[in-house]
PDB file of N, CA and C in Angstrom:
ATOM      1  N   UNK A   1     133.440 155.187 145.992  1.00  0.00           N
ATOM      2  CA  UNK A   1     132.874 154.292 146.977  1.00  0.00           C
ATOM      3  C   UNK A   1     133.652 152.971 146.946  1.00  0.00           C
ATOM      4  N   UNK A   2     134.075 152.522 148.079  1.00  0.00           N
ATOM      5  CA  UNK A   2     134.777 151.247 148.162  1.00  0.00           C
ATOM      6  C   UNK A   2     133.868 150.205 148.790  1.00  0.00           C
ATOM      7  N   UNK A   3     133.977 149.011 148.279  1.00  0.00           N
ATOM      8  CA  UNK A   3     133.191 147.894 148.809  1.00  0.00           C
ATOM      9  C   UNK A   3     134.139 146.939 149.514  1.00  0.00           C
ATOM     10  N   UNK A   4     133.979 146.831 150.803  1.00  0.00           N
ATOM     11  CA  UNK A   4     134.886 146.029 151.600  1.00  0.00           C
ATOM     12  C   UNK A   4     134.740 144.543 151.313  1.00  0.00           C
ATOM     13  N   UNK A   5     133.552 144.092 150.940  1.00  0.00           N
ATOM     14  CA  UNK A   5     133.359 142.667 150.680  1.00  0.00           C
ATOM     15  C   UNK A   5     134.160 142.225 149.458  1.00  0.00           C
ATOM     16  N   UNK A   6     134.147 143.033 148.391  1.00  0.00           N
ATOM     17  CA  UNK A   6     134.905 142.687 147.189  1.00  0.00           C
ATOM     18  C   UNK A   6     136.398 142.709 147.474  1.00  0.00           C
ATOM     19  N   UNK A   7     136.837 143.635 148.272  1.00  0.00           N
ATOM     20  CA  UNK A   7     138.249 143.708 148.626  1.00  0.00           C
ATOM     21  C   UNK A   7     138.668 142.494 149.454  1.00  0.00           C
ATOM     22  N   UNK A   8     137.808 142.052 150.341  1.00  0.00           N
ATOM     23  CA  UNK A   8     138.121 140.898 151.171  1.00  0.00           C
ATOM     24  C   UNK A   8     138.130 139.609 150.354  1.00  0.00           C
ATOM     25  N   UNK A   9     137.295 139.529 149.325  1.00  0.00           N
ATOM     26  CA  UNK A   9     137.274 138.328 148.496  1.00  0.00           C
ATOM     27  C   UNK A   9     138.509 138.222 147.617  1.00  0.00           C
ATOM     28  N   UNK A  10     139.056 139.329 147.184  1.00  0.00           N
ATOM     29  CA  UNK A  10     140.222 139.323 146.307  1.00  0.00           C
ATOM     30  C   UNK A  10     141.542 139.333 147.058  1.00  0.00           C
ATOM     31  N   UNK A  11     141.493 139.407 148.355  1.00  0.00           N
ATOM     32  CA  UNK A  11     142.697 139.437 149.176  1.00  0.00           C
ATOM     33  C   UNK A  11     143.315 138.045 149.239  1.00  0.00           C
ATOM     34  N   UNK A  12     144.633 137.912 149.032  1.00  0.00           N
ATOM     35  CA  UNK A  12     145.261 136.582 149.084  1.00  0.00           C
ATOM     36  C   UNK A  12     145.251 136.029 150.508  1.00  0.00           C
ATOM     37  N   UNK A  13     145.183 134.710 150.605  1.00  0.00           N
ATOM     38  CA  UNK A  13     145.186 134.057 151.916  1.00  0.00           C
ATOM     39  C   UNK A  13     146.621 133.915 152.405  1.00  0.00           C
ATOM     40  N   UNK A  14     146.927 134.605 153.476  1.00  0.00           N
ATOM     41  CA  UNK A  14     148.275 134.590 154.032  1.00  0.00           C
ATOM     42  C   UNK A  14     148.240 134.022 155.439  1.00  0.00           C
ATOM     43  N   UNK A  15     149.273 133.285 155.773  1.00  0.00           N
ATOM     44  CA  UNK A  15     149.462 132.778 157.130  1.00  0.00           C
ATOM     45  C   UNK A  15     150.730 133.422 157.656  1.00  0.00           C
ATOM     46  N   UNK A  16     150.600 134.261 158.657  1.00  0.00           N
ATOM     47  CA  UNK A  16     151.707 135.008 159.255  1.00  0.00           C
ATOM     48  C   UNK A  16     152.479 135.763 158.173  1.00  0.00           C
ATOM     49  N   UNK A  17     151.764 136.328 157.206  1.00  0.00           N
ATOM     50  CA  UNK A  17     152.393 137.115 156.162  1.00  0.00           C
ATOM     51  C   UNK A  17     152.969 136.321 155.017  1.00  0.00           C
ATOM     52  N   UNK A  18     152.718 135.004 154.981  1.00  0.00           N
ATOM     53  CA  UNK A  18     153.246 134.132 153.923  1.00  0.00           C
ATOM     54  C   UNK A  18     152.062 133.474 153.234  1.00  0.00           C
ATOM     55  N   UNK A  19     152.194 133.253 151.925  1.00  0.00           N
ATOM     56  CA  UNK A  19     151.163 132.540 151.195  1.00  0.00           C
ATOM     57  C   UNK A  19     150.951 131.173 151.846  1.00  0.00           C
ATOM     58  N   UNK A  20     149.716 130.749 151.938  1.00  0.00           N
ATOM     59  CA  UNK A  20     149.417 129.516 152.685  1.00  0.00           C
ATOM     60  C   UNK A  20     150.035 128.282 152.038  1.00  0.00           C
ATOM     61  N   UNK A  21     150.168 128.257 150.715  1.00  0.00           N
ATOM     62  CA  UNK A  21     150.797 127.106 150.061  1.00  0.00           C
ATOM     63  C   UNK A  21     152.281 127.043 150.372  1.00  0.00           C
ATOM     64  N   UNK A  22     152.934 128.193 150.386  1.00  0.00           N
ATOM     65  CA  UNK A  22     154.357 128.214 150.734  1.00  0.00           C
ATOM     66  C   UNK A  22     154.566 127.874 152.202  1.00  0.00           C
ATOM     67  N   UNK A  23     153.672 128.331 153.057  1.00  0.00           N
ATOM     68  CA  UNK A  23     153.789 128.003 154.481  1.00  0.00           C
ATOM     69  C   UNK A  23     153.645 126.498 154.693  1.00  0.00           C
ATOM     70  N   UNK A  24     152.694 125.884 153.990  1.00  0.00           N
ATOM     71  CA  UNK A  24     152.533 124.435 154.096  1.00  0.00           C
ATOM     72  C   UNK A  24     153.730 123.688 153.549  1.00  0.00           C
ATOM     73  N   UNK A  25     154.261 124.149 152.420  1.00  0.00           N
ATOM     74  CA  UNK A  25     155.439 123.523 151.838  1.00  0.00           C
ATOM     75  C   UNK A  25     156.642 123.659 152.756  1.00  0.00           C
ATOM     76  N   UNK A  26     156.824 124.826 153.342  1.00  0.00           N
ATOM     77  CA  UNK A  26     157.941 125.044 154.266  1.00  0.00           C
ATOM     78  C   UNK A  26     157.812 124.133 155.485  1.00  0.00           C
ATOM     79  N   UNK A  27     156.601 123.986 155.994  1.00  0.00           N
ATOM     80  CA  UNK A  27     156.397 123.133 157.164  1.00  0.00           C
ATOM     81  C   UNK A  27     156.670 121.663 156.838  1.00  0.00           C
ATOM     82  N   UNK A  28     156.152 121.201 155.700  1.00  0.00           N
ATOM     83  CA  UNK A  28     156.346 119.791 155.333  1.00  0.00           C
ATOM     84  C   UNK A  28     157.822 119.497 155.078  1.00  0.00           C
ATOM     85  N   UNK A  29     158.500 120.394 154.358  1.00  0.00           N
ATOM     86  CA  UNK A  29     159.927 120.179 154.111  1.00  0.00           C
ATOM     87  C   UNK A  29     160.735 120.176 155.401  1.00  0.00           C
ATOM     88  N   UNK A  30     160.410 121.081 156.305  1.00  0.00           N
ATOM     89  CA  UNK A  30     161.154 121.124 157.563  1.00  0.00           C
ATOM     90  C   UNK A  30     160.870 119.894 158.426  1.00  0.00           C
ATOM     91  N   UNK A  31     159.654 119.366 158.380  1.00  0.00           N
ATOM     92  CA  UNK A  31     159.339 118.144 159.126  1.00  0.00           C
ATOM     93  C   UNK A  31     160.098 116.957 158.540  1.00  0.00           C
ATOM     94  N   UNK A  32     160.158 116.867 157.213  1.00  0.00           N
ATOM     95  CA  UNK A  32     160.887 115.764 156.573  1.00  0.00           C
ATOM     96  C   UNK A  32     162.368 115.842 156.892  1.00  0.00           C
ATOM     97  N   UNK A  33     162.948 117.048 156.776  1.00  0.00           N
ATOM     98  CA  UNK A  33     164.371 117.203 157.079  1.00  0.00           C
ATOM     99  C   UNK A  33     164.625 116.961 158.567  1.00  0.00           C
ATOM    100  N   UNK A  34     163.728 117.447 159.405  1.00  0.00           N
ATOM    101  CA  UNK A  34     163.902 117.245 160.852  1.00  0.00           C
ATOM    102  C   UNK A  34     163.757 115.792 161.266  1.00  0.00           C
ATOM    103  N   UNK A  35     162.909 115.040 160.577  1.00  0.00           N
ATOM    104  CA  UNK A  35     162.729 113.629 160.930  1.00  0.00           C
ATOM    105  C   UNK A  35     163.898 112.779 160.458  1.00  0.00           C
ATOM    106  N   UNK A  36     164.471 113.118 159.311  1.00  0.00           N
ATOM    107  CA  UNK A  36     165.559 112.311 158.767  1.00  0.00           C
ATOM    108  C   UNK A  36     166.932 112.780 159.186  1.00  0.00           C
ATOM    109  N   UNK A  37     167.048 113.981 159.600  1.00  0.00           N
ATOM    110  CA  UNK A  37     168.353 114.528 159.967  1.00  0.00           C
ATOM    111  C   UNK A  37     168.263 115.245 161.287  1.00  0.00           C
ATOM    112  N   UNK A  38     168.926 116.362 161.337  1.00  0.00           N
ATOM    113  CA  UNK A  38     168.944 117.162 162.554  1.00  0.00           C
ATOM    114  C   UNK A  38     167.688 118.024 162.645  1.00  0.00           C
ATOM    115  N   UNK A  39     167.134 118.098 163.819  1.00  0.00           N
ATOM    116  CA  UNK A  39     165.940 118.931 164.009  1.00  0.00           C
ATOM    117  C   UNK A  39     166.286 120.399 163.934  1.00  0.00           C
ATOM    118  N   UNK A  40     167.495 120.728 164.298  1.00  0.00           N
ATOM    119  CA  UNK A  40     167.925 122.124 164.218  1.00  0.00           C
ATOM    120  C   UNK A  40     167.973 122.570 162.758  1.00  0.00           C
ATOM    121  N   UNK A  41     168.442 121.683 161.877  1.00  0.00           N
ATOM    122  CA  UNK A  41     168.484 122.010 160.447  1.00  0.00           C
ATOM    123  C   UNK A  41     167.062 122.194 159.917  1.00  0.00           C
ATOM    124  N   UNK A  42     166.118 121.381 160.376  1.00  0.00           N
ATOM    125  CA  UNK A  42     164.724 121.528 159.968  1.00  0.00           C
ATOM    126  C   UNK A  42     164.132 122.854 160.412  1.00  0.00           C
ATOM    127  N   UNK A  43     164.444 123.256 161.624  1.00  0.00           N
ATOM    128  CA  UNK A  43     163.944 124.539 162.145  1.00  0.00           C
ATOM    129  C   UNK A  43     164.565 125.701 161.381  1.00  0.00           C
ATOM    130  N   UNK A  44     165.872 125.604 161.109  1.00  0.00           N
ATOM    131  CA  UNK A  44     166.547 126.668 160.356  1.00  0.00           C
ATOM    132  C   UNK A  44     165.986 126.756 158.937  1.00  0.00           C
ATOM    133  N   UNK A  45     165.710 125.607 158.309  1.00  0.00           N
ATOM    134  CA  UNK A  45     165.118 125.596 156.976  1.00  0.00           C
ATOM    135  C   UNK A  45     163.731 126.240 156.991  1.00  0.00           C
ATOM    136  N   UNK A  46     162.938 125.920 157.991  1.00  0.00           N
ATOM    137  CA  UNK A  46     161.604 126.506 158.113  1.00  0.00           C
ATOM    138  C   UNK A  46     161.679 128.017 158.282  1.00  0.00           C
ATOM    139  N   UNK A  47     162.557 128.481 159.135  1.00  0.00           N
ATOM    140  CA  UNK A  47     162.699 129.915 159.364  1.00  0.00           C
ATOM    141  C   UNK A  47     163.223 130.629 158.118  1.00  0.00           C
ATOM    142  N   UNK A  48     164.149 129.996 157.401  1.00  0.00           N
ATOM    143  CA  UNK A  48     164.687 130.615 156.182  1.00  0.00           C
ATOM    144  C   UNK A  48     163.605 130.721 155.110  1.00  0.00           C
ATOM    145  N   UNK A  49     162.822 129.666 154.916  1.00  0.00           N
ATOM    146  CA  UNK A  49     161.756 129.715 153.921  1.00  0.00           C
ATOM    147  C   UNK A  49     160.674 130.725 154.312  1.00  0.00           C
ATOM    148  N   UNK A  50     160.398 130.828 155.589  1.00  0.00           N
ATOM    149  CA  UNK A  50     159.423 131.821 156.047  1.00  0.00           C
ATOM    150  C   UNK A  50     159.936 133.239 155.826  1.00  0.00           C
ATOM    151  N   UNK A  51     161.219 133.457 156.063  1.00  0.00           N
ATOM    152  CA  UNK A  51     161.791 134.792 155.857  1.00  0.00           C
ATOM    153  C   UNK A  51     161.757 135.173 154.377  1.00  0.00           C
ATOM    154  N   UNK A  52     162.098 134.232 153.507  1.00  0.00           N
ATOM    155  CA  UNK A  52     162.049 134.503 152.068  1.00  0.00           C
ATOM    156  C   UNK A  52     160.613 134.752 151.634  1.00  0.00           C
ATOM    157  N   UNK A  53     159.686 133.954 152.136  1.00  0.00           N
ATOM    158  CA  UNK A  53     158.280 134.125 151.789  1.00  0.00           C
ATOM    159  C   UNK A  53     157.715 135.459 152.250  1.00  0.00           C
ATOM    160  N   UNK A  54     158.082 135.877 153.442  1.00  0.00           N
ATOM    161  CA  UNK A  54     157.593 137.173 153.943  1.00  0.00           C
ATOM    162  C   UNK A  54     158.158 138.324 153.141  1.00  0.00           C
ATOM    163  N   UNK A  55     159.429 138.193 152.774  1.00  0.00           N
ATOM    164  CA  UNK A  55     160.051 139.271 152.002  1.00  0.00           C
ATOM    165  C   UNK A  55     159.417 139.392 150.620  1.00  0.00           C
ATOM    166  N   UNK A  56     159.164 138.251 149.962  1.00  0.00           N
ATOM    167  CA  UNK A  56     158.531 138.285 148.651  1.00  0.00           C
ATOM    168  C   UNK A  56     157.072 138.721 148.746  1.00  0.00           C
ATOM    169  N   UNK A  57     156.377 138.290 149.785  1.00  0.00           N
ATOM    170  CA  UNK A  57     154.969 138.648 149.950  1.00  0.00           C
ATOM    171  C   UNK A  57     154.804 140.121 150.307  1.00  0.00           C
ATOM    172  N   UNK A  58     155.805 140.719 150.912  1.00  0.00           N
ATOM    173  CA  UNK A  58     155.721 142.136 151.254  1.00  0.00           C
ATOM    174  C   UNK A  58     155.726 142.995 149.995  1.00  0.00           C
ATOM    175  N   UNK A  59     156.509 142.575 148.989  1.00  0.00           N
ATOM    176  CA  UNK A  59     156.545 143.329 147.722  1.00  0.00           C
ATOM    177  C   UNK A  59     155.254 143.146 146.943  1.00  0.00           C
ATOM    178  N   UNK A  60     154.804 141.884 146.801  1.00  0.00           N
ATOM    179  CA  UNK A  60     153.584 141.581 146.056  1.00  0.00           C
ATOM    180  C   UNK A  60     152.936 140.356 146.689  1.00  0.00           C
ATOM    181  N   UNK A  61     151.755 140.494 147.303  1.00  0.00           N
ATOM    182  CA  UNK A  61     151.127 139.347 147.968  1.00  0.00           C
ATOM    183  C   UNK A  61     150.744 138.217 147.004  1.00  0.00           C
ATOM    184  N   UNK A  62     150.596 138.527 145.727  1.00  0.00           N
ATOM    185  CA  UNK A  62     150.201 137.505 144.756  1.00  0.00           C
ATOM    186  C   UNK A  62     151.384 136.936 143.982  1.00  0.00           C
ATOM    187  N   UNK A  63     152.604 137.104 144.457  1.00  0.00           N
ATOM    188  CA  UNK A  63     153.781 136.685 143.703  1.00  0.00           C
ATOM    189  C   UNK A  63     153.814 135.168 143.519  1.00  0.00           C
ATOM    190  N   UNK A  64     153.362 134.411 144.495  1.00  0.00           N
ATOM    191  CA  UNK A  64     153.412 132.957 144.364  1.00  0.00           C
ATOM    192  C   UNK A  64     152.329 132.454 143.417  1.00  0.00           C
ATOM    193  N   UNK A  65     151.223 133.141 143.342  1.00  0.00           N
ATOM    194  CA  UNK A  65     150.199 132.825 142.345  1.00  0.00           C
ATOM    195  C   UNK A  65     150.741 133.062 140.942  1.00  0.00           C
ATOM    196  N   UNK A  66     151.469 134.148 140.762  1.00  0.00           N
ATOM    197  CA  UNK A  66     152.070 134.450 139.464  1.00  0.00           C
ATOM    198  C   UNK A  66     153.113 133.396 139.104  1.00  0.00           C
ATOM    199  N   UNK A  67     153.960 133.015 140.065  1.00  0.00           N
ATOM    200  CA  UNK A  67     154.970 131.978 139.810  1.00  0.00           C
ATOM    201  C   UNK A  67     154.313 130.660 139.430  1.00  0.00           C
ATOM    202  N   UNK A  68     153.219 130.313 140.091  1.00  0.00           N
ATOM    203  CA  UNK A  68     152.525 129.060 139.796  1.00  0.00           C
ATOM    204  C   UNK A  68     151.899 129.099 138.403  1.00  0.00           C
ATOM    205  N   UNK A  69     151.323 130.233 138.025  1.00  0.00           N
ATOM    206  CA  UNK A  69     150.742 130.355 136.689  1.00  0.00           C
ATOM    207  C   UNK A  69     151.823 130.311 135.613  1.00  0.00           C
ATOM    208  N   UNK A  70     152.979 130.908 135.877  1.00  0.00           N
ATOM    209  CA  UNK A  70     154.073 130.851 134.912  1.00  0.00           C
ATOM    210  C   UNK A  70     154.609 129.437 134.759  1.00  0.00           C
ATOM    211  N   UNK A  71     154.632 128.698 135.846  1.00  0.00           N
ATOM    212  CA  UNK A  71     155.121 127.323 135.798  1.00  0.00           C
ATOM    213  C   UNK A  71     154.191 126.447 134.970  1.00  0.00           C
ATOM    214  N   UNK A  72     152.898 126.689 135.063  1.00  0.00           N
ATOM    215  CA  UNK A  72     151.926 125.891 134.331  1.00  0.00           C
ATOM    216  C   UNK A  72     151.822 126.277 132.864  1.00  0.00           C
ATOM    217  N   UNK A  73     152.231 127.506 132.548  1.00  0.00           N
ATOM    218  CA  UNK A  73     152.084 127.994 131.183  1.00  0.00           C
ATOM    219  C   UNK A  73     153.109 127.315 130.281  1.00  0.00           C
ATOM    220  N   UNK A  74     152.663 126.903 129.103  1.00  0.00           N
ATOM    221  CA  UNK A  74     153.560 126.246 128.164  1.00  0.00           C
ATOM    222  C   UNK A  74     154.444 127.277 127.485  1.00  0.00           C
ATOM    223  N   UNK A  75     155.556 126.799 126.988  1.00  0.00           N
ATOM    224  CA  UNK A  75     156.470 127.680 126.278  1.00  0.00           C
ATOM    225  C   UNK A  75     155.822 128.148 124.972  1.00  0.00           C
ATOM    226  N   UNK A  76     155.992 129.403 124.679  1.00  0.00           N
ATOM    227  CA  UNK A  76     155.409 129.938 123.457  1.00  0.00           C
ATOM    228  C   UNK A  76     156.226 129.551 122.228  1.00  0.00           C
ATOM    229  N   UNK A  77     157.505 129.400 122.394  1.00  0.00           N
ATOM    230  CA  UNK A  77     158.358 129.072 121.268  1.00  0.00           C
ATOM    231  C   UNK A  77     159.225 127.885 121.649  1.00  0.00           C
ATOM    232  N   UNK A  78     159.114 126.842 120.883  1.00  0.00           N
ATOM    233  CA  UNK A  78     159.941 125.675 121.091  1.00  0.00           C
ATOM    234  C   UNK A  78     160.613 125.344 119.765  1.00  0.00           C
ATOM    235  N   UNK A  79     161.899 125.591 119.636  1.00  0.00           N
ATOM    236  CA  UNK A  79     162.546 125.379 118.345  1.00  0.00           C
ATOM    237  C   UNK A  79     162.590 123.908 117.926  1.00  0.00           C
ATOM    238  N   UNK A  80     162.446 122.979 118.857  1.00  0.00           N
ATOM    239  CA  UNK A  80     162.489 121.563 118.492  1.00  0.00           C
ATOM    240  C   UNK A  80     161.191 121.109 117.822  1.00  0.00           C
ATOM    241  N   UNK A  81     160.136 121.890 117.941  1.00  0.00           N
ATOM    242  CA  UNK A  81     158.880 121.531 117.295  1.00  0.00           C
ATOM    243  C   UNK A  81     158.855 121.951 115.829  1.00  0.00           C
ATOM    244  N   UNK A  82     159.773 122.792 115.421  1.00  0.00           N
ATOM    245  CA  UNK A  82     159.799 123.286 114.054  1.00  0.00           C
ATOM    246  C   UNK A  82     160.436 122.254 113.131  1.00  0.00           C
ATOM    247  N   UNK A  83     160.057 122.316 111.874  1.00  0.00           N
ATOM    248  CA  UNK A  83     160.658 121.429 110.888  1.00  0.00           C
ATOM    249  C   UNK A  83     162.019 121.983 110.475  1.00  0.00           C
ATOM    250  N   UNK A  84     162.893 121.065 110.095  1.00  0.00           N
ATOM    251  CA  UNK A  84     164.201 121.486 109.616  1.00  0.00           C
ATOM    252  C   UNK A  84     164.025 122.108 108.248  1.00  0.00           C
ATOM    253  N   UNK A  85     164.839 123.051 107.925  1.00  0.00           N
ATOM    254  CA  UNK A  85     164.764 123.697 106.619  1.00  0.00           C
ATOM    255  C   UNK A  85     166.134 123.606 105.950  1.00  0.00           C
ATOM    256  N   UNK A  86     166.100 123.657 104.664  1.00  0.00           N
ATOM    257  CA  UNK A  86     167.339 123.636 103.902  1.00  0.00           C
ATOM    258  C   UNK A  86     167.618 125.033 103.368  1.00  0.00           C
ATOM    259  N   UNK A  87     168.835 125.385 103.420  1.00  0.00           N
ATOM    260  CA  UNK A  87     169.255 126.685 102.934  1.00  0.00           C
ATOM    261  C   UNK A  87     170.020 126.481 101.642  1.00  0.00           C
ATOM    262  N   UNK A  88     169.523 127.082 100.606  1.00  0.00           N
ATOM    263  CA  UNK A  88     170.222 126.967  99.322  1.00  0.00           C
ATOM    264  C   UNK A  88     170.661 128.356  98.887  1.00  0.00           C
ATOM    265  N   UNK A  89     171.896 128.438  98.496  1.00  0.00           N
ATOM    266  CA  UNK A  89     172.467 129.709  98.067  1.00  0.00           C
ATOM    267  C   UNK A  89     172.637 129.652  96.555  1.00  0.00           C
ATOM    268  N   UNK A  90     172.017 130.569  95.903  1.00  0.00           N
ATOM    269  CA  UNK A  90     172.108 130.643  94.458  1.00  0.00           C
ATOM    270  C   UNK A  90     173.003 131.824  94.091  1.00  0.00           C
ATOM    271  N   UNK A  91     173.781 131.591  93.093  1.00  0.00           N
ATOM    272  CA  UNK A  91     174.692 132.658  92.671  1.00  0.00           C
ATOM    273  C   UNK A  91     174.050 133.395  91.515  1.00  0.00           C
ATOM    274  N   UNK A  92     173.979 134.680  91.618  1.00  0.00           N
ATOM    275  CA  UNK A  92     173.380 135.500  90.566  1.00  0.00           C
ATOM    276  C   UNK A  92     174.409 135.836  89.511  1.00  0.00           C
ATOM    277  N   UNK A  93     173.952 135.908  88.349  1.00  0.00           N
ATOM    278  CA  UNK A  93     174.840 136.348  87.273  1.00  0.00           C
ATOM    279  C   UNK A  93     174.766 137.867  87.221  1.00  0.00           C
ATOM    280  N   UNK A  94     175.901 138.471  87.056  1.00  0.00           N
ATOM    281  CA  UNK A  94     175.934 139.933  87.038  1.00  0.00           C
ATOM    282  C   UNK A  94     175.542 140.427  85.651  1.00  0.00           C
ATOM    283  N   UNK A  95     174.707 141.411  85.621  1.00  0.00           N
ATOM    284  CA  UNK A  95     174.270 142.000  84.379  1.00  0.00           C
ATOM    285  C   UNK A  95     174.937 143.369  84.218  1.00  0.00           C
ATOM    286  N   UNK A  96     175.362 143.608  83.060  1.00  0.00           N
ATOM    287  CA  UNK A  96     175.965 144.919  82.778  1.00  0.00           C
ATOM    288  C   UNK A  96     174.889 145.874  82.318  1.00  0.00           C
ATOM    289  N   UNK A  97     174.723 146.912  83.003  1.00  0.00           N
ATOM    290  CA  UNK A  97     173.703 147.897  82.642  1.00  0.00           C
ATOM    291  C   UNK A  97     174.296 148.990  81.859  1.00  0.00           C
TER     292      UNK A  97
END
């Protein structure tokens, strides 16, 4: 038995096949580039970001959520947080058996 309400609640929010956060980011970036430079470059940037977003969203609709969670996650291993250690080499005396 499938429950359509649960499926609809877990479905990612997409705008024209793109994650809504990426669509907003693409629009804002294209407006900034279009206002400061050429409007054609802004339109091309918007279309390129939309094409990349649609292609990534087609493979996995939650890919941008995963990228955002990975960005927020701290590194598990940071070698600069470790203390320095000293390496001492001791020479063994050979024993005759």
